[in-house]
Amino acid sequence: MYRILIADDEFWVGRWLSQVLKESPFEVAVTGISDNGEETLKALLDTRPDILITDINMPLIDGLDVLKRLEEAGERLPKTIVISGYDEFDYARRAIELEVMAYLLKPLERSAVYEAVEKAVAALEKEQERKEQTRDGFTAAGGGQPTGRGPAAPGRRGGARRAEPAGGRGGGGRAVPRGA
């Protein structure tokens, strides 16, 4: 199960995202909802979520500066989905520099949230698969061939599987089914 932290100073946006994720076909758990940048930074360090969904414009520290501070402190950045009410190039440029997974504009649609979370989950699964292959004696440079340093373990995951979510606002999004 992947852990998600939501950061948005708009009360209803945070609650809506939490509900959308709870109803989603993904195996995710919301670890909390922060309503300002300082609270978000503290929650990131305390809970170490796998995925962060953050607004850009928040009180105290903006969402992109939260990521920048984590990066400067040498902390692992979660897979990040940025949400914003502003379609400004400077925000998008900064988000790209911080390697965010998606940049979603408000008002949010369920299908766009599902698509972004699916992308983040697929990246996390790929990272996990790489770690397992390295640990089990495989190398990327060797084309996935055994190096002789460990037992050859069959791959556990075949990539992100997709299925249509059950109805809901925005519909039509694709997602990883629960329990798959």
Protein backbone atom coordinates (compact mmCIF):
# COMPACT_ATOMS: atom_id res chain seq x y z
CA MET A 1 0.00 0.00 0.00
CA TYR A 2 1.36 3.41 -0.97
CA ARG A 3 1.06 6.36 1.41
CA ILE A 4 -0.13 9.75 0.15
CA LEU A 5 0.09 13.16 1.82
CA ILE A 6 -2.27 15.89 0.57
CA ALA A 7 -1.27 19.55 0.95
CA ASP A 8 -3.80 22.24 0.07
CA ASP A 9 -4.93 25.30 1.98
CA GLU A 10 -8.44 25.04 0.54
CA PHE A 11 -10.33 22.85 3.03
CA TRP A 12 -12.75 21.34 0.52
CA VAL A 13 -10.06 20.53 -2.06
CA GLY A 14 -8.12 18.49 0.51
CA ARG A 15 -11.26 16.67 1.66
CA TRP A 16 -12.40 16.00 -1.91
CA LEU A 17 -8.99 14.57 -2.85
CA SER A 18 -8.99 12.39 0.24
CA GLN A 19 -12.43 11.00 -0.66
CA VAL A 20 -11.49 10.48 -4.31
CA LEU A 21 -8.40 8.51 -3.26
CA LYS A 22 -10.39 6.48 -0.72
CA GLU A 23 -12.85 5.50 -3.48
CA SER A 24 -10.11 4.89 -6.03
CA PRO A 25 -9.09 1.47 -7.28
CA PHE A 26 -5.52 2.15 -6.09
CA GLU A 27 -3.98 0.54 -3.05
CA VAL A 28 -3.24 3.86 -1.33
CA ALA A 29 -3.77 5.37 2.10
CA VAL A 30 -3.94 9.09 2.84
CA THR A 31 -1.55 9.78 5.72
CA GLY A 32 -2.79 13.32 6.28
CA ILE A 33 -3.98 16.63 4.89
CA SER A 34 -1.82 19.71 5.49
CA ASP A 35 -3.09 23.24 4.96
CA ASN A 36 0.19 25.18 4.86
CA GLY A 37 3.76 24.66 3.74
CA GLU A 38 5.36 24.38 7.18
CA GLU A 39 2.86 21.72 8.25
CA THR A 40 3.49 19.91 4.96
CA LEU A 41 7.26 19.92 5.44
CA LYS A 42 6.90 18.55 8.98
CA ALA A 43 4.43 15.86 7.83
CA LEU A 44 6.76 14.83 4.99
CA LEU A 45 9.65 14.36 7.40
CA ASP A 46 7.49 12.59 10.01
CA THR A 47 5.48 10.23 7.80
CA ARG A 48 7.73 9.78 4.72
CA PRO A 49 4.86 9.33 2.24
CA ASP A 50 5.45 7.72 -1.14
CA ILE A 51 3.35 10.31 -2.99
CA LEU A 52 2.69 14.00 -2.30
CA ILE A 53 -0.23 15.86 -3.86
CA THR A 54 0.43 19.54 -3.21
CA ASP A 55 -1.01 22.89 -4.09
CA ILE A 56 1.55 25.49 -5.13
CA ASN A 57 0.13 28.58 -3.41
CA MET A 58 -0.12 27.86 0.31
CA PRO A 59 0.52 29.98 3.40
CA LEU A 60 4.01 30.15 4.94
CA ILE A 61 5.89 28.07 2.33
CA ASP A 62 4.62 27.32 -1.18
CA GLY A 63 4.39 23.72 -2.36
CA LEU A 64 7.38 23.94 -4.70
CA ASP A 65 9.56 25.53 -2.02
CA VAL A 66 8.66 22.63 0.30
CA LEU A 67 10.14 20.26 -2.31
CA LYS A 68 13.18 22.49 -2.81
CA ARG A 69 13.88 22.51 0.94
CA LEU A 70 13.63 18.72 1.10
CA GLU A 71 15.99 18.41 -1.84
CA GLU A 72 18.50 20.85 -0.34
CA ALA A 73 18.43 18.89 2.94
CA GLY A 74 19.31 15.72 1.03
CA GLU A 75 15.94 14.11 1.77
CA ARG A 76 14.23 11.69 -0.60
CA LEU A 77 11.52 13.46 -2.57
CA PRO A 78 8.19 11.66 -2.81
CA LYS A 79 6.58 11.22 -6.22
CA THR A 80 4.84 14.57 -6.48
CA ILE A 81 1.66 15.72 -8.15
CA VAL A 82 1.28 19.49 -8.22
CA ILE A 83 -2.14 21.12 -8.28
CA SER A 84 -2.71 24.78 -8.97
CA GLY A 85 -5.33 27.32 -9.83
CA TYR A 86 -2.72 29.14 -11.92
CA ASP A 87 -1.67 28.26 -15.44
CA GLU A 88 1.65 30.13 -15.24
CA PHE A 89 4.79 29.08 -17.05
CA ASP A 90 7.12 29.91 -14.14
CA TYR A 91 5.28 27.46 -11.85
CA ALA A 92 5.39 24.76 -14.53
CA ARG A 93 9.12 25.38 -15.13
CA ARG A 94 9.91 25.10 -11.41
CA ALA A 95 7.80 21.93 -11.18
CA ILE A 96 9.71 20.35 -14.08
CA GLU A 97 13.04 21.21 -12.42
CA LEU A 98 11.84 19.37 -9.30
CA GLU A 99 10.78 16.37 -11.44
CA VAL A 100 7.11 16.36 -10.48
CA MET A 101 4.97 13.57 -11.94
CA ALA A 102 2.06 15.79 -13.02
CA TYR A 103 0.83 19.39 -12.97
CA LEU A 104 -2.96 19.54 -12.60
CA LEU A 105 -5.03 22.68 -12.92
CA LYS A 106 -8.02 23.43 -10.70
CA PRO A 107 -10.85 22.72 -10.82
CA LEU A 108 -9.67 19.12 -10.55
CA GLU A 109 -11.29 16.21 -12.31
CA ARG A 110 -11.36 12.71 -10.84
CA SER A 111 -10.00 11.18 -14.06
CA ALA A 112 -7.00 13.55 -14.08
CA VAL A 113 -6.23 12.74 -10.43
CA TYR A 114 -6.46 8.99 -11.16
CA GLU A 115 -4.19 9.33 -14.19
CA ALA A 116 -1.57 11.24 -12.18
CA VAL A 117 -1.69 8.80 -9.26
CA GLU A 118 -1.44 5.88 -11.68
CA LYS A 119 1.73 7.44 -13.14
CA ALA A 120 3.21 7.90 -9.65
CA VAL A 121 2.35 4.32 -8.63
CA ALA A 122 3.89 2.95 -11.84
CA ALA A 123 7.11 4.90 -11.14
CA LEU A 124 7.21 3.59 -7.55
CA GLU A 125 6.69 0.01 -8.77
CA LYS A 126 9.46 0.42 -11.34
CA GLU A 127 11.83 1.71 -8.63
CA GLN A 128 10.92 -1.22 -6.39
CA GLU A 129 11.50 -3.66 -9.23
CA ARG A 130 14.94 -2.14 -9.92
CA LYS A 131 15.86 -2.44 -6.23
CA GLU A 132 14.75 -6.07 -6.16
CA GLN A 133 16.69 -6.90 -9.32
CA THR A 134 19.82 -5.24 -7.97
CA ARG A 135 19.45 -7.02 -4.64
CA ASP A 136 18.84 -10.36 -6.37
CA GLY A 137 21.95 -10.07 -8.53
CA PHE A 138 20.63 -8.49 -11.72
CA THR A 139 21.96 -5.36 -13.33
CA ALA A 140 20.35 -2.92 -15.71
CA ALA A 141 23.58 -2.78 -17.72
CA GLY A 142 23.47 -6.54 -18.17
CA GLY A 143 20.10 -6.34 -19.87
CA GLY A 144 18.39 -7.89 -16.88
CA GLN A 145 20.67 -10.93 -17.01
CA PRO A 146 21.89 -12.58 -13.80
CA THR A 147 25.33 -11.42 -12.65
CA GLY A 148 26.04 -14.58 -10.70
CA ARG A 149 26.02 -12.67 -7.41
CA GLY A 150 22.61 -13.83 -6.28
CA PRO A 151 19.71 -16.12 -7.08
CA ALA A 152 17.65 -15.28 -10.14
CA ALA A 153 14.25 -14.31 -8.77
CA PRO A 154 11.32 -14.09 -11.17
CA GLY A 155 9.80 -10.59 -11.54
CA ARG A 156 6.93 -9.99 -9.13
CA ARG A 157 5.27 -7.24 -11.06
CA GLY A 158 4.36 -6.94 -14.69
CA GLY A 159 3.98 -3.15 -14.58
CA ALA A 160 0.94 -1.10 -13.66
CA ARG A 161 -2.29 -2.87 -14.52
CA ARG A 162 -5.23 -0.74 -15.46
CA ALA A 163 -8.96 -1.01 -15.01
CA GLU A 164 -11.86 1.41 -15.32
CA PRO A 165 -12.87 2.99 -11.99
CA ALA A 166 -16.42 2.46 -10.81
CA GLY A 167 -18.39 5.56 -11.89
CA GLY A 168 -18.04 8.89 -10.17
CA ARG A 169 -17.34 12.48 -11.07
CA GLY A 170 -15.13 12.89 -14.08
CA GLY A 171 -15.30 9.13 -14.87
CA GLY A 172 -13.38 7.56 -17.69
CA GLY A 173 -10.06 7.58 -15.78
CA ARG A 174 -7.96 4.44 -15.75
CA ALA A 175 -6.46 2.98 -12.63
CA VAL A 176 -4.70 0.09 -10.93
CA PRO A 177 -7.38 -2.16 -9.41
CA ARG A 178 -7.38 -2.83 -5.66
CA GLY A 179 -6.03 -6.22 -4.68
CA ALA A 180 -4.32 -6.68 -8.04
